[in-house]
N, C-alpha and C. Protein backbone atom coordinates (compact mmCIF):
# COMPACT_ATOMS: atom_id res chain seq x y z
N MET A 1 109.09 99.08 91.68
CA MET A 1 110.15 99.12 92.68
C MET A 1 111.37 99.78 92.03
N GLY A 2 112.02 100.62 92.78
CA GLY A 2 113.17 101.35 92.27
C GLY A 2 114.31 100.46 91.85
N GLY A 3 115.14 100.97 90.93
CA GLY A 3 116.26 100.19 90.42
C GLY A 3 117.44 100.13 91.36
N LYS A 4 117.92 101.29 91.80
CA LYS A 4 119.08 101.32 92.68
C LYS A 4 118.68 101.21 94.14
N ILE A 5 117.69 102.00 94.53
CA ILE A 5 117.18 101.95 95.90
C ILE A 5 115.89 101.14 95.86
N LYS A 6 115.91 99.99 96.49
CA LYS A 6 114.79 99.03 96.38
C LYS A 6 113.62 99.42 97.28
N SER A 7 112.93 100.47 96.91
CA SER A 7 111.72 100.86 97.62
C SER A 7 110.62 101.07 96.59
N TRP A 8 109.38 101.01 97.05
CA TRP A 8 108.24 101.13 96.15
C TRP A 8 107.81 102.59 96.02
N LYS A 9 107.65 103.04 94.77
CA LYS A 9 107.23 104.41 94.49
C LYS A 9 106.17 104.38 93.40
N LYS A 10 105.21 105.29 93.48
CA LYS A 10 104.20 105.39 92.42
C LYS A 10 104.84 106.01 91.19
N ARG A 11 104.48 105.48 90.03
CA ARG A 11 104.97 106.00 88.76
C ARG A 11 103.81 106.03 87.77
N TRP A 12 103.89 106.95 86.83
CA TRP A 12 102.88 107.10 85.77
C TRP A 12 103.50 106.55 84.49
N PHE A 13 102.91 105.50 83.93
CA PHE A 13 103.47 104.87 82.74
C PHE A 13 102.71 105.30 81.49
N VAL A 14 103.46 105.50 80.41
CA VAL A 14 102.88 105.89 79.13
C VAL A 14 103.40 104.92 78.06
N PHE A 15 102.45 104.22 77.44
CA PHE A 15 102.75 103.26 76.37
C PHE A 15 102.68 104.01 75.05
N ASP A 16 103.76 104.03 74.28
CA ASP A 16 103.78 104.75 73.00
C ASP A 16 104.09 103.76 71.88
N ARG A 17 103.04 103.40 71.13
CA ARG A 17 103.19 102.42 70.06
C ARG A 17 104.07 102.96 68.92
N LEU A 18 103.96 104.26 68.64
CA LEU A 18 104.74 104.85 67.55
C LEU A 18 106.24 104.91 67.87
N LYS A 19 106.56 105.32 69.09
CA LYS A 19 107.97 105.38 69.50
C LYS A 19 108.48 104.02 69.96
N ARG A 20 107.55 103.08 70.15
CA ARG A 20 107.86 101.74 70.63
C ARG A 20 108.57 101.77 71.98
N THR A 21 107.95 102.56 72.89
CA THR A 21 108.53 102.72 74.23
C THR A 21 107.45 102.65 75.30
N LEU A 22 107.90 102.36 76.50
CA LEU A 22 107.10 102.44 77.71
C LEU A 22 107.86 103.40 78.61
N SER A 23 107.39 104.65 78.69
CA SER A 23 108.07 105.68 79.48
C SER A 23 107.40 105.77 80.84
N TYR A 24 108.18 106.17 81.85
CA TYR A 24 107.57 106.35 83.15
C TYR A 24 108.02 107.65 83.80
N TYR A 25 107.06 108.25 84.51
CA TYR A 25 107.21 109.57 85.08
C TYR A 25 106.88 109.55 86.57
N VAL A 26 107.24 110.65 87.25
CA VAL A 26 106.96 110.78 88.68
C VAL A 26 105.45 110.85 88.92
N ASP A 27 104.72 111.55 88.03
CA ASP A 27 103.26 111.68 88.20
C ASP A 27 102.56 111.82 86.86
N LYS A 28 101.23 111.91 86.90
CA LYS A 28 100.45 111.93 85.67
C LYS A 28 100.59 113.21 84.85
N HIS A 29 101.25 114.22 85.40
CA HIS A 29 101.47 115.45 84.64
C HIS A 29 102.62 115.29 83.64
N GLU A 30 103.35 114.18 83.76
CA GLU A 30 104.43 113.82 82.84
C GLU A 30 105.48 114.91 82.70
N THR A 31 105.80 115.56 83.83
CA THR A 31 106.80 116.63 83.80
C THR A 31 108.21 116.12 84.04
N LYS A 32 108.37 115.06 84.82
CA LYS A 32 109.71 114.55 85.10
C LYS A 32 109.83 113.09 84.66
N LEU A 33 110.51 112.89 83.55
CA LEU A 33 110.74 111.55 83.02
C LEU A 33 111.73 110.81 83.92
N LYS A 34 111.35 109.63 84.38
CA LYS A 34 112.22 108.83 85.23
C LYS A 34 112.97 107.76 84.45
N GLY A 35 112.36 107.29 83.36
CA GLY A 35 113.02 106.25 82.57
C GLY A 35 112.20 105.84 81.37
N VAL A 36 112.84 105.05 80.51
CA VAL A 36 112.20 104.56 79.29
C VAL A 36 112.56 103.09 79.12
N ILE A 37 111.55 102.28 78.79
CA ILE A 37 111.77 100.87 78.47
C ILE A 37 111.47 100.74 76.98
N TYR A 38 112.46 100.34 76.21
CA TYR A 38 112.27 100.17 74.77
C TYR A 38 111.72 98.78 74.49
N PHE A 39 110.74 98.70 73.59
CA PHE A 39 110.13 97.41 73.27
C PHE A 39 111.18 96.38 72.89
N GLN A 40 112.20 96.80 72.14
CA GLN A 40 113.21 95.84 71.67
C GLN A 40 114.01 95.23 72.82
N ALA A 41 114.01 95.89 73.98
CA ALA A 41 114.77 95.38 75.13
C ALA A 41 113.95 94.41 75.98
N ILE A 42 112.64 94.37 75.78
CA ILE A 42 111.78 93.52 76.62
C ILE A 42 111.92 92.06 76.22
N GLU A 43 112.27 91.24 77.20
CA GLU A 43 112.43 89.80 76.98
C GLU A 43 111.20 89.02 77.43
N GLU A 44 110.64 89.42 78.58
CA GLU A 44 109.49 88.70 79.15
C GLU A 44 108.62 89.65 79.97
N VAL A 45 107.34 89.31 80.05
CA VAL A 45 106.40 89.98 80.95
C VAL A 45 105.65 88.85 81.64
N TYR A 46 105.69 88.82 82.98
CA TYR A 46 105.06 87.70 83.66
C TYR A 46 104.57 88.09 85.05
N TYR A 47 103.59 87.34 85.52
CA TYR A 47 103.04 87.48 86.87
C TYR A 47 104.08 87.01 87.87
N ASP A 48 104.25 87.74 88.97
CA ASP A 48 105.25 87.39 89.99
C ASP A 48 104.72 86.28 90.90
N HIS A 49 104.53 85.09 90.32
CA HIS A 49 103.97 83.97 91.08
C HIS A 49 104.90 83.46 92.18
N LEU A 50 106.19 83.73 92.08
CA LEU A 50 107.13 83.30 93.12
C LEU A 50 107.22 84.30 94.27
N ARG A 51 106.50 85.42 94.11
CA ARG A 51 106.51 86.48 95.12
C ARG A 51 107.94 86.96 95.41
N SER A 52 108.71 87.15 94.34
CA SER A 52 110.11 87.54 94.49
C SER A 52 110.31 89.05 94.69
N ALA A 53 109.26 89.84 94.48
CA ALA A 53 109.36 91.28 94.70
C ALA A 53 109.34 91.56 96.20
N ALA A 54 110.45 92.06 96.71
CA ALA A 54 110.58 92.31 98.15
C ALA A 54 109.57 93.34 98.64
N LYS A 55 108.83 92.97 99.67
CA LYS A 55 107.89 93.87 100.34
C LYS A 55 106.90 94.55 99.39
N SER A 56 106.41 93.79 98.41
CA SER A 56 105.42 94.35 97.49
C SER A 56 104.20 94.83 98.26
N PRO A 57 103.68 96.02 97.94
CA PRO A 57 102.49 96.51 98.64
C PRO A 57 101.25 95.65 98.35
N ASN A 58 101.29 94.89 97.25
CA ASN A 58 100.19 93.98 96.94
C ASN A 58 100.72 92.83 96.08
N PRO A 59 101.22 91.77 96.71
CA PRO A 59 101.82 90.66 95.97
C PRO A 59 100.90 90.04 94.91
N ALA A 60 99.60 90.03 95.16
CA ALA A 60 98.66 89.43 94.20
C ALA A 60 98.55 90.24 92.91
N LEU A 61 98.97 91.50 92.95
CA LEU A 61 98.87 92.37 91.77
C LEU A 61 100.24 92.78 91.24
N THR A 62 101.27 92.01 91.59
CA THR A 62 102.64 92.33 91.17
C THR A 62 103.00 91.53 89.93
N PHE A 63 103.58 92.23 88.95
CA PHE A 63 104.07 91.56 87.75
C PHE A 63 105.44 92.11 87.39
N CYS A 64 106.12 91.41 86.49
CA CYS A 64 107.51 91.73 86.15
C CYS A 64 107.66 92.00 84.66
N VAL A 65 108.51 92.95 84.35
CA VAL A 65 108.90 93.22 82.97
C VAL A 65 110.42 93.04 82.93
N LYS A 66 110.86 91.99 82.25
CA LYS A 66 112.28 91.67 82.18
C LYS A 66 112.85 92.22 80.88
N THR A 67 113.92 93.03 81.02
CA THR A 67 114.63 93.56 79.86
C THR A 67 116.04 92.99 79.85
N HIS A 68 116.82 93.37 78.85
CA HIS A 68 118.20 92.88 78.73
C HIS A 68 119.02 93.21 79.98
N ASP A 69 118.78 94.40 80.58
CA ASP A 69 119.65 94.81 81.68
C ASP A 69 118.96 95.07 83.01
N ARG A 70 117.64 94.86 83.09
CA ARG A 70 116.96 95.12 84.36
C ARG A 70 115.66 94.34 84.46
N LEU A 71 115.28 94.05 85.68
CA LEU A 71 113.99 93.43 85.96
C LEU A 71 113.14 94.47 86.67
N TYR A 72 112.03 94.86 86.05
CA TYR A 72 111.12 95.85 86.63
C TYR A 72 109.99 95.13 87.34
N TYR A 73 109.78 95.46 88.61
CA TYR A 73 108.64 94.94 89.36
C TYR A 73 107.59 96.04 89.38
N MET A 74 106.36 95.69 89.02
CA MET A 74 105.29 96.66 88.98
C MET A 74 104.06 96.12 89.70
N VAL A 75 103.31 97.02 90.30
CA VAL A 75 102.07 96.65 90.98
C VAL A 75 100.93 97.43 90.34
N ALA A 76 99.92 96.71 89.91
CA ALA A 76 98.74 97.34 89.28
C ALA A 76 97.70 97.68 90.35
N PRO A 77 96.81 98.63 90.05
CA PRO A 77 95.78 98.99 91.02
C PRO A 77 94.66 97.96 91.14
N SER A 78 94.54 97.06 90.14
CA SER A 78 93.49 96.02 90.19
C SER A 78 93.94 94.84 89.33
N ALA A 79 93.25 93.71 89.49
CA ALA A 79 93.57 92.52 88.69
C ALA A 79 93.32 92.80 87.21
N GLU A 80 92.23 93.51 86.92
CA GLU A 80 91.92 93.83 85.53
C GLU A 80 92.99 94.74 84.92
N ALA A 81 93.43 95.75 85.66
CA ALA A 81 94.48 96.65 85.18
C ALA A 81 95.77 95.87 84.94
N MET A 82 96.08 94.93 85.83
CA MET A 82 97.30 94.13 85.66
C MET A 82 97.23 93.32 84.37
N ARG A 83 96.10 92.66 84.12
CA ARG A 83 95.95 91.87 82.89
C ARG A 83 96.09 92.76 81.66
N ILE A 84 95.46 93.93 81.69
CA ILE A 84 95.52 94.84 80.55
C ILE A 84 96.95 95.30 80.30
N TRP A 85 97.64 95.76 81.36
CA TRP A 85 99.01 96.23 81.19
C TRP A 85 99.92 95.12 80.68
N MET A 86 99.79 93.93 81.25
CA MET A 86 100.64 92.82 80.81
C MET A 86 100.38 92.50 79.34
N ASP A 87 99.12 92.45 78.94
CA ASP A 87 98.77 92.17 77.54
C ASP A 87 99.32 93.25 76.60
N VAL A 88 99.14 94.51 76.99
CA VAL A 88 99.59 95.62 76.15
C VAL A 88 101.11 95.62 76.00
N ILE A 89 101.82 95.38 77.10
CA ILE A 89 103.29 95.37 77.04
C ILE A 89 103.78 94.20 76.19
N VAL A 90 103.20 93.01 76.40
CA VAL A 90 103.58 91.84 75.60
C VAL A 90 103.28 92.08 74.13
N THR A 91 102.10 92.60 73.84
CA THR A 91 101.70 92.87 72.45
C THR A 91 102.63 93.89 71.81
N GLY A 92 102.98 94.93 72.55
CA GLY A 92 103.89 95.94 72.03
C GLY A 92 105.26 95.36 71.73
N ALA A 93 105.78 94.58 72.64
CA ALA A 93 107.11 93.98 72.46
C ALA A 93 107.08 92.98 71.31
N GLU A 94 106.03 92.16 71.25
CA GLU A 94 105.92 91.18 70.16
C GLU A 94 105.69 91.89 68.84
N GLY A 95 104.89 92.95 68.88
CA GLY A 95 104.64 93.73 67.67
C GLY A 95 105.92 94.31 67.13
N TYR A 96 106.80 94.73 68.03
CA TYR A 96 108.09 95.28 67.61
C TYR A 96 108.90 94.18 66.91
N THR A 97 108.91 92.98 67.50
CA THR A 97 109.66 91.87 66.92
C THR A 97 109.13 91.52 65.54
N GLN A 98 107.81 91.48 65.39
CA GLN A 98 107.20 91.17 64.09
C GLN A 98 107.51 92.27 63.08
N PHE A 99 107.53 93.51 63.55
CA PHE A 99 107.82 94.65 62.69
C PHE A 99 109.23 94.54 62.12
N MET A 100 110.16 94.02 62.92
CA MET A 100 111.56 93.92 62.51
C MET A 100 111.77 92.77 61.52
N ASN A 101 110.88 91.78 61.50
CA ASN A 101 111.05 90.61 60.61
C ASN A 101 110.57 90.90 59.21
């Protein structure tokens, strides 16, 4: 879901363990960068069990990535994809924290 304009748009996400970022683009050609989530900014990753994402196209597959300054609502294409993305994002963020210690 968009940050300023609260509407749902498809985005292509790229997890980069070396740069410790989760970048997102308009499409899979990765030509227009829309934003970057730094692992160090991620506070929580959780399933949207309260259904707080307004007008989610699929509430059962909606999850949240909470950072210091924004809450990202995301919808996965399947339950398996949602579990994988949540695990990867949590692992990346935790890995960053362990790396810093």
